[in-house]
Amino acid sequence: MHSSCFSCGSTIQSQIKTLYGYDVCSSCEPTLGLYKDDTIRKHIASYEKKREGVPENPTYVQEVDYRLGAMEKTYILKRLKLLHIQNRLKVIEK
């Protein structure tokens, strides 16, 4: 099965790679705004500095994990709602 870029739909296989489970073409990858290691290190340092004053604040790793979990929950809720609407449309249109 041929994959396509999740963003632009390109199907040029030589330009598509899987990035964290998503197919992305080489043209779209730079537009994702992925952080370089130096930026991530700056974020870690910023969170550690905040934790000096308030030790119960989350670490950067904890914050990233929390945000991913919250985003996944929101995604599932919205997907369930749309799948329900899609299902009801099939029933209503009969």
PDB file of N, CA and C in Angstrom:
ATOM      1  N   MET A   1       0.844  -1.188   0.000  1.00  0.00           N
ATOM      2  CA  MET A   1       0.000   0.000   0.000  1.00  0.00           C
ATOM      3  C   MET A   1       0.883   1.244   0.000  1.00  0.00           C
ATOM      4  N   HIS A   2       0.553   2.190  -0.843  1.00  0.00           N
ATOM      5  CA  HIS A   2       1.334   3.416  -0.922  1.00  0.00           C
ATOM      6  C   HIS A   2       0.865   4.401   0.137  1.00  0.00           C
ATOM      7  N   SER A   3       1.824   5.067   0.744  1.00  0.00           N
ATOM      8  CA  SER A   3       1.476   6.058   1.745  1.00  0.00           C
ATOM      9  C   SER A   3       1.421   7.434   1.092  1.00  0.00           C
ATOM     10  N   SER A   4       0.780   8.346   1.778  1.00  0.00           N
ATOM     11  CA  SER A   4       0.711   9.718   1.294  1.00  0.00           C
ATOM     12  C   SER A   4       0.963  10.661   2.465  1.00  0.00           C
ATOM     13  N   CYS A   5       1.464  11.829   2.162  1.00  0.00           N
ATOM     14  CA  CYS A   5       1.761  12.836   3.178  1.00  0.00           C
ATOM     15  C   CYS A   5       0.458  13.252   3.862  1.00  0.00           C
ATOM     16  N   PHE A   6       0.464  13.258   5.189  1.00  0.00           N
ATOM     17  CA  PHE A   6      -0.745  13.609   5.921  1.00  0.00           C
ATOM     18  C   PHE A   6      -1.157  15.056   5.658  1.00  0.00           C
ATOM     19  N   SER A   7      -0.194  15.893   5.297  1.00  0.00           N
ATOM     20  CA  SER A   7      -0.469  17.321   5.160  1.00  0.00           C
ATOM     21  C   SER A   7      -0.898  17.710   3.743  1.00  0.00           C
ATOM     22  N   CYS A   8      -0.081  17.339   2.748  1.00  0.00           N
ATOM     23  CA  CYS A   8      -0.366  17.784   1.381  1.00  0.00           C
ATOM     24  C   CYS A   8      -0.924  16.685   0.495  1.00  0.00           C
ATOM     25  N   GLY A   9      -0.827  15.434   0.956  1.00  0.00           N
ATOM     26  CA  GLY A   9      -1.353  14.330   0.175  1.00  0.00           C
ATOM     27  C   GLY A   9      -0.400  13.783  -0.874  1.00  0.00           C
ATOM     28  N   SER A  10       0.829  14.286  -0.910  1.00  0.00           N
ATOM     29  CA  SER A  10       1.807  13.807  -1.891  1.00  0.00           C
ATOM     30  C   SER A  10       1.970  12.295  -1.764  1.00  0.00           C
ATOM     31  N   THR A  11       2.108  11.638  -2.920  1.00  0.00           N
ATOM     32  CA  THR A  11       2.301  10.183  -2.934  1.00  0.00           C
ATOM     33  C   THR A  11       3.650   9.803  -3.544  1.00  0.00           C
ATOM     34  N   ILE A  12       4.559  10.747  -3.648  1.00  0.00           N
ATOM     35  CA  ILE A  12       5.900  10.473  -4.180  1.00  0.00           C
ATOM     36  C   ILE A  12       6.672   9.734  -3.097  1.00  0.00           C
ATOM     37  N   GLN A  13       6.732   8.402  -3.239  1.00  0.00           N
ATOM     38  CA  GLN A  13       7.263   7.541  -2.182  1.00  0.00           C
ATOM     39  C   GLN A  13       8.701   7.863  -1.795  1.00  0.00           C
ATOM     40  N   SER A  14       9.504   8.317  -2.743  1.00  0.00           N
ATOM     41  CA  SER A  14      10.910   8.628  -2.439  1.00  0.00           C
ATOM     42  C   SER A  14      11.041   9.844  -1.523  1.00  0.00           C
ATOM     43  N   GLN A  15       9.987  10.640  -1.404  1.00  0.00           N
ATOM     44  CA  GLN A  15      10.031  11.845  -0.575  1.00  0.00           C
ATOM     45  C   GLN A  15       9.251  11.695   0.730  1.00  0.00           C
ATOM     46  N   ILE A  16       8.663  10.526   0.966  1.00  0.00           N
ATOM     47  CA  ILE A  16       7.828  10.338   2.153  1.00  0.00           C
ATOM     48  C   ILE A  16       8.552   9.474   3.170  1.00  0.00           C
ATOM     49  N   LYS A  17       8.527   9.944   4.421  1.00  0.00           N
ATOM     50  CA  LYS A  17       9.066   9.127   5.499  1.00  0.00           C
ATOM     51  C   LYS A  17       8.047   9.114   6.632  1.00  0.00           C
ATOM     52  N   THR A  18       8.162   8.103   7.471  1.00  0.00           N
ATOM     53  CA  THR A  18       7.260   8.001   8.613  1.00  0.00           C
ATOM     54  C   THR A  18       7.909   8.697   9.798  1.00  0.00           C
ATOM     55  N   LEU A  19       7.197   9.649  10.358  1.00  0.00           N
ATOM     56  CA  LEU A  19       7.696  10.441  11.481  1.00  0.00           C
ATOM     57  C   LEU A  19       6.731  10.277  12.634  1.00  0.00           C
ATOM     58  N   TYR A  20       7.131   9.522  13.637  1.00  0.00           N
ATOM     59  CA  TYR A  20       6.301   9.255  14.824  1.00  0.00           C
ATOM     60  C   TYR A  20       4.936   8.679  14.455  1.00  0.00           C
ATOM     61  N   GLY A  21       4.923   7.833  13.431  1.00  0.00           N
ATOM     62  CA  GLY A  21       3.695   7.158  13.036  1.00  0.00           C
ATOM     63  C   GLY A  21       2.885   7.889  11.976  1.00  0.00           C
ATOM     64  N   TYR A  22       3.378   9.019  11.507  1.00  0.00           N
ATOM     65  CA  TYR A  22       2.667   9.784  10.478  1.00  0.00           C
ATOM     66  C   TYR A  22       3.549   9.898   9.246  1.00  0.00           C
ATOM     67  N   ASP A  23       2.943   9.782   8.072  1.00  0.00           N
ATOM     68  CA  ASP A  23       3.677   9.922   6.819  1.00  0.00           C
ATOM     69  C   ASP A  23       3.795  11.396   6.468  1.00  0.00           C
ATOM     70  N   VAL A  24       5.044  11.830   6.246  1.00  0.00           N
ATOM     71  CA  VAL A  24       5.329  13.236   5.966  1.00  0.00           C
ATOM     72  C   VAL A  24       6.290  13.298   4.787  1.00  0.00           C
ATOM     73  N   CYS A  25       6.008  14.182   3.837  1.00  0.00           N
ATOM     74  CA  CYS A  25       6.909  14.330   2.689  1.00  0.00           C
ATOM     75  C   CYS A  25       8.017  15.320   3.044  1.00  0.00           C
ATOM     76  N   SER A  26       9.074  15.280   2.258  1.00  0.00           N
ATOM     77  CA  SER A  26      10.225  16.145   2.532  1.00  0.00           C
ATOM     78  C   SER A  26       9.899  17.624   2.370  1.00  0.00           C
ATOM     79  N   SER A  27       8.869  17.955   1.604  1.00  0.00           N
ATOM     80  CA  SER A  27       8.477  19.361   1.446  1.00  0.00           C
ATOM     81  C   SER A  27       7.731  19.883   2.669  1.00  0.00           C
ATOM     82  N   CYS A  28       6.947  19.028   3.295  1.00  0.00           N
ATOM     83  CA  CYS A  28       6.140  19.453   4.442  1.00  0.00           C
ATOM     84  C   CYS A  28       6.895  19.391   5.772  1.00  0.00           C
ATOM     85  N   GLU A  29       7.918  18.538   5.850  1.00  0.00           N
ATOM     86  CA  GLU A  29       8.631  18.370   7.115  1.00  0.00           C
ATOM     87  C   GLU A  29       9.158  19.697   7.687  1.00  0.00           C
ATOM     88  N   PRO A  30       9.775  20.570   6.874  1.00  0.00           N
ATOM     89  CA  PRO A  30      10.269  21.837   7.439  1.00  0.00           C
ATOM     90  C   PRO A  30       9.150  22.750   7.964  1.00  0.00           C
ATOM     91  N   THR A  31       7.934  22.567   7.490  1.00  0.00           N
ATOM     92  CA  THR A  31       6.827  23.426   7.922  1.00  0.00           C
ATOM     93  C   THR A  31       6.219  22.973   9.248  1.00  0.00           C
ATOM     94  N   LEU A  32       6.678  21.827   9.779  1.00  0.00           N
ATOM     95  CA  LEU A  32       6.118  21.307  11.026  1.00  0.00           C
ATOM     96  C   LEU A  32       6.574  22.097  12.248  1.00  0.00           C
ATOM     97  N   GLY A  33       7.645  22.823  12.122  1.00  0.00           N
ATOM     98  CA  GLY A  33       8.134  23.612  13.247  1.00  0.00           C
ATOM     99  C   GLY A  33       8.746  22.757  14.355  1.00  0.00           C
ATOM    100  N   LEU A  34       9.393  21.666  13.952  1.00  0.00           N
ATOM    101  CA  LEU A  34      10.008  20.793  14.948  1.00  0.00           C
ATOM    102  C   LEU A  34      11.194  21.497  15.597  1.00  0.00           C
ATOM    103  N   TYR A  35      11.358  21.293  16.898  1.00  0.00           N
ATOM    104  CA  TYR A  35      12.428  21.951  17.647  1.00  0.00           C
ATOM    105  C   TYR A  35      13.763  21.259  17.442  1.00  0.00           C
ATOM    106  N   LYS A  36      14.801  22.064  17.410  1.00  0.00           N
ATOM    107  CA  LYS A  36      16.161  21.531  17.410  1.00  0.00           C
ATOM    108  C   LYS A  36      16.539  21.251  18.864  1.00  0.00           C
ATOM    109  N   ASP A  37      17.570  20.437  19.057  1.00  0.00           N
ATOM    110  CA  ASP A  37      17.976  20.048  20.405  1.00  0.00           C
ATOM    111  C   ASP A  37      18.312  21.250  21.290  1.00  0.00           C
ATOM    112  N   ASP A  38      18.956  22.281  20.710  1.00  0.00           N
ATOM    113  CA  ASP A  38      19.294  23.464  21.508  1.00  0.00           C
ATOM    114  C   ASP A  38      18.047  24.151  22.062  1.00  0.00           C
ATOM    115  N   THR A  39      16.989  24.202  21.267  1.00  0.00           N
ATOM    116  CA  THR A  39      15.735  24.804  21.724  1.00  0.00           C
ATOM    117  C   THR A  39      15.130  23.985  22.854  1.00  0.00           C
ATOM    118  N   ILE A  40      15.163  22.678  22.715  1.00  0.00           N
ATOM    119  CA  ILE A  40      14.623  21.812  23.766  1.00  0.00           C
ATOM    120  C   ILE A  40      15.429  21.993  25.051  1.00  0.00           C
ATOM    121  N   ARG A  41      16.747  22.089  24.939  1.00  0.00           N
ATOM    122  CA  ARG A  41      17.588  22.318  26.125  1.00  0.00           C
ATOM    123  C   ARG A  41      17.234  23.643  26.801  1.00  0.00           C
ATOM    124  N   LYS A  42      16.949  24.680  26.009  1.00  0.00           N
ATOM    125  CA  LYS A  42      16.548  25.973  26.573  1.00  0.00           C
ATOM    126  C   LYS A  42      15.228  25.843  27.328  1.00  0.00           C
ATOM    127  N   HIS A  43      14.298  25.083  26.781  1.00  0.00           N
ATOM    128  CA  HIS A  43      13.017  24.869  27.445  1.00  0.00           C
ATOM    129  C   HIS A  43      13.207  24.120  28.757  1.00  0.00           C
ATOM    130  N   ILE A  44      14.055  23.103  28.735  1.00  0.00           N
ATOM    131  CA  ILE A  44      14.341  22.350  29.962  1.00  0.00           C
ATOM    132  C   ILE A  44      14.905  23.298  31.018  1.00  0.00           C
ATOM    133  N   ALA A  45      15.863  24.116  30.633  1.00  0.00           N
ATOM    134  CA  ALA A  45      16.482  25.062  31.568  1.00  0.00           C
ATOM    135  C   ALA A  45      15.455  26.047  32.109  1.00  0.00           C
ATOM    136  N   SER A  46      14.556  26.508  31.260  1.00  0.00           N
ATOM    137  CA  SER A  46      13.517  27.444  31.687  1.00  0.00           C
ATOM    138  C   SER A  46      12.604  26.800  32.732  1.00  0.00           C
ATOM    139  N   TYR A  47      12.213  25.566  32.490  1.00  0.00           N
ATOM    140  CA  TYR A  47      11.353  24.865  33.452  1.00  0.00           C
ATOM    141  C   TYR A  47      12.085  24.612  34.760  1.00  0.00           C
ATOM    142  N   GLU A  48      13.372  24.266  34.687  1.00  0.00           N
ATOM    143  CA  GLU A  48      14.146  24.024  35.909  1.00  0.00           C
ATOM    144  C   GLU A  48      14.295  25.305  36.718  1.00  0.00           C
ATOM    145  N   LYS A  49      14.464  26.431  36.027  1.00  0.00           N
ATOM    146  CA  LYS A  49      14.578  27.719  36.724  1.00  0.00           C
ATOM    147  C   LYS A  49      13.272  28.034  37.465  1.00  0.00           C
ATOM    148  N   LYS A  50      12.120  27.783  36.820  1.00  0.00           N
ATOM    149  CA  LYS A  50      10.824  28.013  37.461  1.00  0.00           C
ATOM    150  C   LYS A  50      10.641  27.093  38.662  1.00  0.00           C
ATOM    151  N   ARG A  51      11.173  25.871  38.564  1.00  0.00           N
ATOM    152  CA  ARG A  51      11.024  24.901  39.645  1.00  0.00           C
ATOM    153  C   ARG A  51      11.879  25.265  40.856  1.00  0.00           C
ATOM    154  N   GLU A  52      12.909  26.095  40.661  1.00  0.00           N
ATOM    155  CA  GLU A  52      13.719  26.534  41.808  1.00  0.00           C
ATOM    156  C   GLU A  52      12.843  27.316  42.786  1.00  0.00           C
ATOM    157  N   GLY A  53      11.950  28.131  42.251  1.00  0.00           N
ATOM    158  CA  GLY A  53      11.050  28.916  43.086  1.00  0.00           C
ATOM    159  C   GLY A  53       9.834  28.133  43.558  1.00  0.00           C
ATOM    160  N   VAL A  54       9.353  27.250  42.705  1.00  0.00           N
ATOM    161  CA  VAL A  54       8.164  26.451  43.031  1.00  0.00           C
ATOM    162  C   VAL A  54       8.473  24.990  42.662  1.00  0.00           C
ATOM    163  N   PRO A  55       9.055  24.242  43.610  1.00  0.00           N
ATOM    164  CA  PRO A  55       9.491  22.870  43.305  1.00  0.00           C
ATOM    165  C   PRO A  55       8.375  21.918  42.867  1.00  0.00           C
ATOM    166  N   GLU A  56       7.133  22.211  43.227  1.00  0.00           N
ATOM    167  CA  GLU A  56       6.036  21.323  42.827  1.00  0.00           C
ATOM    168  C   GLU A  56       5.598  21.530  41.374  1.00  0.00           C
ATOM    169  N   ASN A  57       6.137  22.542  40.714  1.00  0.00           N
ATOM    170  CA  ASN A  57       5.843  22.718  39.287  1.00  0.00           C
ATOM    171  C   ASN A  57       6.377  21.509  38.514  1.00  0.00           C
ATOM    172  N   PRO A  58       5.754  21.193  37.386  1.00  0.00           N
ATOM    173  CA  PRO A  58       6.200  20.023  36.622  1.00  0.00           C
ATOM    174  C   PRO A  58       7.550  20.266  35.951  1.00  0.00           C
ATOM    175  N   THR A  59       8.261  19.176  35.707  1.00  0.00           N
ATOM    176  CA  THR A  59       9.461  19.259  34.885  1.00  0.00           C
ATOM    177  C   THR A  59       9.022  19.409  33.434  1.00  0.00           C
ATOM    178  N   TYR A  60       9.960  19.697  32.583  1.00  0.00           N
ATOM    179  CA  TYR A  60       9.634  19.833  31.162  1.00  0.00           C
ATOM    180  C   TYR A  60       9.116  18.512  30.604  1.00  0.00           C
ATOM    181  N   VAL A  61       9.747  17.406  31.000  1.00  0.00           N
ATOM    182  CA  VAL A  61       9.302  16.085  30.555  1.00  0.00           C
ATOM    183  C   VAL A  61       7.871  15.826  31.018  1.00  0.00           C
ATOM    184  N   GLN A  62       7.577  16.141  32.276  1.00  0.00           N
ATOM    185  CA  GLN A  62       6.220  15.940  32.803  1.00  0.00           C
ATOM    186  C   GLN A  62       5.209  16.807  32.052  1.00  0.00           C
ATOM    187  N   GLU A  63       5.584  18.032  31.740  1.00  0.00           N
ATOM    188  CA  GLU A  63       4.689  18.941  31.019  1.00  0.00           C
ATOM    189  C   GLU A  63       4.400  18.426  29.607  1.00  0.00           C
ATOM    190  N   VAL A  64       5.420  17.956  28.921  1.00  0.00           N
ATOM    191  CA  VAL A  64       5.228  17.415  27.573  1.00  0.00           C
ATOM    192  C   VAL A  64       4.319  16.191  27.635  1.00  0.00           C
ATOM    193  N   ASP A  65       4.574  15.304  28.597  1.00  0.00           N
ATOM    194  CA  ASP A  65       3.734  14.108  28.751  1.00  0.00           C
ATOM    195  C   ASP A  65       2.287  14.489  29.046  1.00  0.00           C
ATOM    196  N   TYR A  66       2.106  15.475  29.925  1.00  0.00           N
ATOM    197  CA  TYR A  66       0.746  15.932  30.274  1.00  0.00           C
ATOM    198  C   TYR A  66       0.033  16.482  29.036  1.00  0.00           C
ATOM    199  N   ARG A  67       0.736  17.317  28.283  1.00  0.00           N
ATOM    200  CA  ARG A  67       0.109  17.928  27.092  1.00  0.00           C
ATOM    201  C   ARG A  67      -0.263  16.878  26.053  1.00  0.00           C
ATOM    202  N   LEU A  68       0.604  15.890  25.863  1.00  0.00           N
ATOM    203  CA  LEU A  68       0.277  14.816  24.912  1.00  0.00           C
ATOM    204  C   LEU A  68      -0.953  14.044  25.368  1.00  0.00           C
ATOM    205  N   GLY A  69      -1.041  13.758  26.652  1.00  0.00           N
ATOM    206  CA  GLY A  69      -2.205  13.044  27.184  1.00  0.00           C
ATOM    207  C   GLY A  69      -3.483  13.852  27.032  1.00  0.00           C
ATOM    208  N   ALA A  70      -3.404  15.138  27.350  1.00  0.00           N
ATOM    209  CA  ALA A  70      -4.576  16.009  27.236  1.00  0.00           C
ATOM    210  C   ALA A  70      -5.013  16.143  25.784  1.00  0.00           C
ATOM    211  N   MET A  71      -4.047  16.261  24.872  1.00  0.00           N
ATOM    212  CA  MET A  71      -4.364  16.389  23.449  1.00  0.00           C
ATOM    213  C   MET A  71      -5.015  15.108  22.935  1.00  0.00           C
ATOM    214  N   GLU A  72      -4.505  13.971  23.367  1.00  0.00           N
ATOM    215  CA  GLU A  72      -5.079  12.697  22.926  1.00  0.00           C
ATOM    216  C   GLU A  72      -6.517  12.550  23.416  1.00  0.00           C
ATOM    217  N   LYS A  73      -6.767  12.952  24.651  1.00  0.00           N
ATOM    218  CA  LYS A  73      -8.121  12.862  25.203  1.00  0.00           C
ATOM    219  C   LYS A  73      -9.071  13.766  24.411  1.00  0.00           C
ATOM    220  N   THR A  74      -8.638  14.984  24.128  1.00  0.00           N
ATOM    221  CA  THR A  74      -9.455  15.915  23.352  1.00  0.00           C
ATOM    222  C   THR A  74      -9.726  15.352  21.958  1.00  0.00           C
ATOM    223  N   TYR A  75      -8.697  14.788  21.338  1.00  0.00           N
ATOM    224  CA  TYR A  75      -8.843  14.194  20.010  1.00  0.00           C
ATOM    225  C   TYR A  75      -9.878  13.073  20.035  1.00  0.00           C
ATOM    226  N   ILE A  76      -9.787  12.192  21.027  1.00  0.00           N
ATOM    227  CA  ILE A  76     -10.722  11.069  21.117  1.00  0.00           C
ATOM    228  C   ILE A  76     -12.149  11.566  21.309  1.00  0.00           C
ATOM    229  N   LEU A  77     -12.331  12.544  22.179  1.00  0.00           N
ATOM    230  CA  LEU A  77     -13.677  13.085  22.410  1.00  0.00           C
ATOM    231  C   LEU A  77     -14.274  13.674  21.132  1.00  0.00           C
ATOM    232  N   LYS A  78     -13.477  14.445  20.418  1.00  0.00           N
ATOM    233  CA  LYS A  78     -13.971  15.059  19.177  1.00  0.00           C
ATOM    234  C   LYS A  78     -14.221  14.010  18.097  1.00  0.00           C
ATOM    235  N   ARG A  79     -13.348  13.013  18.028  1.00  0.00           N
ATOM    236  CA  ARG A  79     -13.522  11.947  17.045  1.00  0.00           C
ATOM    237  C   ARG A  79     -14.782  11.149  17.330  1.00  0.00           C
ATOM    238  N   LEU A  80     -15.026  10.825  18.601  1.00  0.00           N
ATOM    239  CA  LEU A  80     -16.240  10.091  18.961  1.00  0.00           C
ATOM    240  C   LEU A  80     -17.493  10.874  18.570  1.00  0.00           C
ATOM    241  N   LYS A  81     -17.473  12.163  18.812  1.00  0.00           N
ATOM    242  CA  LYS A  81     -18.627  12.991  18.467  1.00  0.00           C
ATOM    243  C   LYS A  81     -18.873  12.969  16.958  1.00  0.00           C
ATOM    244  N   LEU A  82     -17.812  13.132  16.184  1.00  0.00           N
ATOM    245  CA  LEU A  82     -17.971  13.134  14.728  1.00  0.00           C
ATOM    246  C   LEU A  82     -18.374  11.764  14.192  1.00  0.00           C
ATOM    247  N   LEU A  83     -17.808  10.702  14.769  1.00  0.00           N
ATOM    248  CA  LEU A  83     -18.210   9.363  14.347  1.00  0.00           C
ATOM    249  C   LEU A  83     -19.683   9.107  14.668  1.00  0.00           C
ATOM    250  N   HIS A  84     -20.137   9.615  15.796  1.00  0.00           N
ATOM    251  CA  HIS A  84     -21.551   9.486  16.160  1.00  0.00           C
ATOM    252  C   HIS A  84     -22.430  10.230  15.151  1.00  0.00           C
ATOM    253  N   ILE A  85     -22.037  11.444  14.819  1.00  0.00           N
ATOM    254  CA  ILE A  85     -22.806  12.227  13.847  1.00  0.00           C
ATOM    255  C   ILE A  85     -22.831  11.506  12.500  1.00  0.00           C
ATOM    256  N   GLN A  86     -21.683  10.994  12.087  1.00  0.00           N
ATOM    257  CA  GLN A  86     -21.593  10.264  10.818  1.00  0.00           C
ATOM    258  C   GLN A  86     -22.526   9.055  10.826  1.00  0.00           C
ATOM    259  N   ASN A  87     -22.526   8.323  11.908  1.00  0.00           N
ATOM    260  CA  ASN A  87     -23.393   7.157  12.037  1.00  0.00           C
ATOM    261  C   ASN A  87     -24.858   7.549  12.010  1.00  0.00           C
ATOM    262  N   ARG A  88     -25.216   8.589  12.724  1.00  0.00           N
ATOM    263  CA  ARG A  88     -26.606   9.050  12.767  1.00  0.00           C
ATOM    264  C   ARG A  88     -27.051   9.547  11.403  1.00  0.00           C
ATOM    265  N   LEU A  89     -26.172  10.185  10.658  1.00  0.00           N
ATOM    266  CA  LEU A  89     -26.509  10.656   9.311  1.00  0.00           C
ATOM    267  C   LEU A  89     -26.886   9.483   8.409  1.00  0.00           C
ATOM    268  N   LYS A  90     -26.152   8.378   8.532  1.00  0.00           N
ATOM    269  CA  LYS A  90     -26.474   7.200   7.732  1.00  0.00           C
ATOM    270  C   LYS A  90     -27.849   6.670   8.071  1.00  0.00           C
ATOM    271  N   VAL A  91     -28.208   6.707   9.327  1.00  0.00           N
ATOM    272  CA  VAL A  91     -29.523   6.222   9.762  1.00  0.00           C
ATOM    273  C   VAL A  91     -30.620   7.186   9.340  1.00  0.00           C
ATOM    274  N   ILE A  92     -30.387   8.453   9.531  1.00  0.00           N
ATOM    275  CA  ILE A  92     -31.407   9.481   9.245  1.00  0.00           C
ATOM    276  C   ILE A  92     -31.687   9.575   7.745  1.00  0.00           C
ATOM    277  N   GLU A  93     -30.649   9.402   6.914  1.00  0.00           N
ATOM    278  CA  GLU A  93     -30.811   9.577   5.476  1.00  0.00           C
ATOM    279  C   GLU A  93     -31.471   8.395   4.801  1.00  0.00           C
ATOM    280  N   LYS A  94     -31.711   7.305   5.499  1.00  0.00           N
ATOM    281  CA  LYS A  94     -32.335   6.123   4.890  1.00  0.00           C
ATOM    282  C   LYS A  94     -33.807   6.345   4.651  1.00  0.00           C
TER     283      LYS A  94
END
